[in-house]
PDB file of N, CA and C in Angstrom:
ATOM      1  N   MET A   1       0.836  -1.210   0.000  1.00  0.00           N
ATOM      2  CA  MET A   1       0.000   0.000   0.000  1.00  0.00           C
ATOM      3  C   MET A   1       0.872   1.263   0.000  1.00  0.00           C
ATOM      4  N   LYS A   2       1.918   1.242   0.815  1.00  0.00           N
ATOM      5  CA  LYS A   2       2.778   2.428   0.895  1.00  0.00           C
ATOM      6  C   LYS A   2       3.409   2.742  -0.465  1.00  0.00           C
ATOM      7  N   GLU A   3       3.828   1.692  -1.180  1.00  0.00           N
ATOM      8  CA  GLU A   3       4.449   1.903  -2.490  1.00  0.00           C
ATOM      9  C   GLU A   3       3.476   2.602  -3.438  1.00  0.00           C
ATOM     10  N   VAL A   4       2.228   2.152  -3.403  1.00  0.00           N
ATOM     11  CA  VAL A   4       1.212   2.747  -4.278  1.00  0.00           C
ATOM     12  C   VAL A   4       1.012   4.213  -3.911  1.00  0.00           C
ATOM     13  N   GLN A   5       0.932   4.487  -2.615  1.00  0.00           N
ATOM     14  CA  GLN A   5       0.740   5.871  -2.171  1.00  0.00           C
ATOM     15  C   GLN A   5       1.907   6.744  -2.616  1.00  0.00           C
ATOM     16  N   LYS A   6       3.125   6.212  -2.507  1.00  0.00           N
ATOM     17  CA  LYS A   6       4.315   6.973  -2.902  1.00  0.00           C
ATOM     18  C   LYS A   6       4.233   7.390  -4.361  1.00  0.00           C
ATOM     19  N   SER A   7       3.924   6.427  -5.239  1.00  0.00           N
ATOM     20  CA  SER A   7       3.875   6.740  -6.666  1.00  0.00           C
ATOM     21  C   SER A   7       2.760   7.737  -6.955  1.00  0.00           C
ATOM     22  N   THR A   8       1.643   7.623  -6.243  1.00  0.00           N
ATOM     23  CA  THR A   8       0.538   8.563  -6.450  1.00  0.00           C
ATOM     24  C   THR A   8       0.971   9.966  -6.056  1.00  0.00           C
ATOM     25  N   VAL A   9       1.668  10.074  -4.940  1.00  0.00           N
ATOM     26  CA  VAL A   9       2.151  11.385  -4.484  1.00  0.00           C
ATOM     27  C   VAL A   9       3.127  11.961  -5.500  1.00  0.00           C
ATOM     28  N   GLN A  10       4.049  11.130  -5.976  1.00  0.00           N
ATOM     29  CA  GLN A  10       5.026  11.598  -6.962  1.00  0.00           C
ATOM     30  C   GLN A  10       4.321  12.080  -8.226  1.00  0.00           C
ATOM     31  N   GLN A  11       3.285  11.356  -8.653  1.00  0.00           N
ATOM     32  CA  GLN A  11       2.553  11.751  -9.854  1.00  0.00           C
ATOM     33  C   GLN A  11       1.859  13.089  -9.643  1.00  0.00           C
ATOM     34  N   SER A  12       1.224  13.264  -8.479  1.00  0.00           N
ATOM     35  CA  SER A  12       0.506  14.514  -8.224  1.00  0.00           C
ATOM     36  C   SER A  12       1.487  15.677  -8.128  1.00  0.00           C
ATOM     37  N   VAL A  13       2.675  15.426  -7.553  1.00  0.00           N
ATOM     38  CA  VAL A  13       3.689  16.480  -7.467  1.00  0.00           C
ATOM     39  C   VAL A  13       4.150  16.866  -8.866  1.00  0.00           C
ATOM     40  N   ALA A  14       4.432  15.881  -9.705  1.00  0.00           N
ATOM     41  CA  ALA A  14       4.871  16.151 -11.070  1.00  0.00           C
ATOM     42  C   ALA A  14       3.784  16.896 -11.830  1.00  0.00           C
ATOM     43  N   TYR A  15       2.524  16.494 -11.631  1.00  0.00           N
ATOM     44  CA  TYR A  15       1.400  17.153 -12.296  1.00  0.00           C
ATOM     45  C   TYR A  15       1.305  18.609 -11.855  1.00  0.00           C
ATOM     46  N   THR A  16       1.433  18.837 -10.543  1.00  0.00           N
ATOM     47  CA  THR A  16       1.364  20.211 -10.023  1.00  0.00           C
ATOM     48  C   THR A  16       2.474  21.058 -10.621  1.00  0.00           C
ATOM     49  N   GLN A  17       3.689  20.515 -10.686  1.00  0.00           N
ATOM     50  CA  GLN A  17       4.814  21.260 -11.247  1.00  0.00           C
ATOM     51  C   GLN A  17       4.560  21.593 -12.714  1.00  0.00           C
ATOM     52  N   ALA A  18       3.989  20.653 -13.458  1.00  0.00           N
ATOM     53  CA  ALA A  18       3.698  20.888 -14.869  1.00  0.00           C
ATOM     54  C   ALA A  18       2.680  22.008 -15.019  1.00  0.00           C
ATOM     55  N   VAL A  19       1.645  21.987 -14.176  1.00  0.00           N
ATOM     56  CA  VAL A  19       0.610  23.025 -14.238  1.00  0.00           C
ATOM     57  C   VAL A  19       1.212  24.388 -13.910  1.00  0.00           C
ATOM     58  N   VAL A  20       2.052  24.423 -12.878  1.00  0.00           N
ATOM     59  CA  VAL A  20       2.676  25.690 -12.473  1.00  0.00           C
ATOM     60  C   VAL A  20       3.536  26.247 -13.605  1.00  0.00           C
ATOM     61  N   SER A  21       4.345  25.401 -14.231  1.00  0.00           N
ATOM     62  CA  SER A  21       5.211  25.874 -15.313  1.00  0.00           C
ATOM     63  C   SER A  21       4.364  26.351 -16.495  1.00  0.00           C
ATOM     64  N   LEU A  22       3.245  25.672 -16.754  1.00  0.00           N
ATOM     65  CA  LEU A  22       2.345  26.103 -17.826  1.00  0.00           C
ATOM     66  C   LEU A  22       1.785  27.481 -17.516  1.00  0.00           C
ATOM     67  N   GLU A  23       1.323  27.678 -16.283  1.00  0.00           N
ATOM     68  CA  GLU A  23       0.760  28.973 -15.884  1.00  0.00           C
ATOM     69  C   GLU A  23       1.816  30.066 -16.016  1.00  0.00           C
ATOM     70  N   ARG A  24       3.069  29.755 -15.657  1.00  0.00           N
ATOM     71  CA  ARG A  24       4.140  30.754 -15.769  1.00  0.00           C
ATOM     72  C   ARG A  24       4.346  31.133 -17.230  1.00  0.00           C
ATOM     73  N   LYS A  25       4.334  30.139 -18.117  1.00  0.00           N
ATOM     74  CA  LYS A  25       4.507  30.406 -19.550  1.00  0.00           C
ATOM     75  C   LYS A  25       3.375  31.296 -20.049  1.00  0.00           C
ATOM     76  N   LYS A  26       2.143  30.982 -19.626  1.00  0.00           N
ATOM     77  CA  LYS A  26       0.982  31.787 -20.029  1.00  0.00           C
ATOM     78  C   LYS A  26       1.146  33.222 -19.550  1.00  0.00           C
ATOM     79  N   ALA A  27       1.577  33.387 -18.294  1.00  0.00           N
ATOM     80  CA  ALA A  27       1.752  34.728 -17.726  1.00  0.00           C
ATOM     81  C   ALA A  27       2.807  35.497 -18.520  1.00  0.00           C
ATOM     82  N   LYS A  28       3.912  34.833 -18.860  1.00  0.00           N
ATOM     83  CA  LYS A  28       4.970  35.485 -19.637  1.00  0.00           C
ATOM     84  C   LYS A  28       4.428  35.913 -20.997  1.00  0.00           C
ATOM     85  N   ALA A  29       3.700  35.032 -21.664  1.00  0.00           N
ATOM     86  CA  ALA A  29       3.146  35.342 -22.981  1.00  0.00           C
ATOM     87  C   ALA A  29       2.180  36.519 -22.881  1.00  0.00           C
ATOM     88  N   ALA A  30       1.336  36.515 -21.853  1.00  0.00           N
ATOM     89  CA  ALA A  30       0.365  37.600 -21.675  1.00  0.00           C
ATOM     90  C   ALA A  30       1.101  38.918 -21.464  1.00  0.00           C
ATOM     91  N   ARG A  31       2.163  38.892 -20.658  1.00  0.00           N
ATOM     92  CA  ARG A  31       2.926  40.111 -20.388  1.00  0.00           C
ATOM     93  C   ARG A  31       3.537  40.643 -21.680  1.00  0.00           C
ATOM     94  N   CYS A  32       4.095  39.753 -22.490  1.00  0.00           N
ATOM     95  CA  CYS A  32       4.710  40.169 -23.750  1.00  0.00           C
ATOM     96  C   CYS A  32       3.670  40.824 -24.651  1.00  0.00           C
ATOM     97  N   MET A  33       2.463  40.284 -24.665  1.00  0.00           N
ATOM     98  CA  MET A  33       1.411  40.828 -25.530  1.00  0.00           C
ATOM     99  C   MET A  33       0.948  42.200 -25.045  1.00  0.00           C
ATOM    100  N   PHE A  34       0.867  42.382 -23.729  1.00  0.00           N
ATOM    101  CA  PHE A  34       0.369  43.655 -23.201  1.00  0.00           C
ATOM    102  C   PHE A  34       1.382  44.787 -23.392  1.00  0.00           C
ATOM    103  N   GLU A  35       2.679  44.441 -23.384  1.00  0.00           N
ATOM    104  CA  GLU A  35       3.699  45.493 -23.466  1.00  0.00           C
ATOM    105  C   GLU A  35       3.890  46.045 -24.857  1.00  0.00           C
TER     106      GLU A  35
END
């Protein structure tokens, strides 16, 4: 059970990091367009 939980946590962490980096890219693109 612990092994399964570990992989699930790692997946959610990786997913969160991907979402954050995507949001940062969007913010950068939006800033470039507004300037």
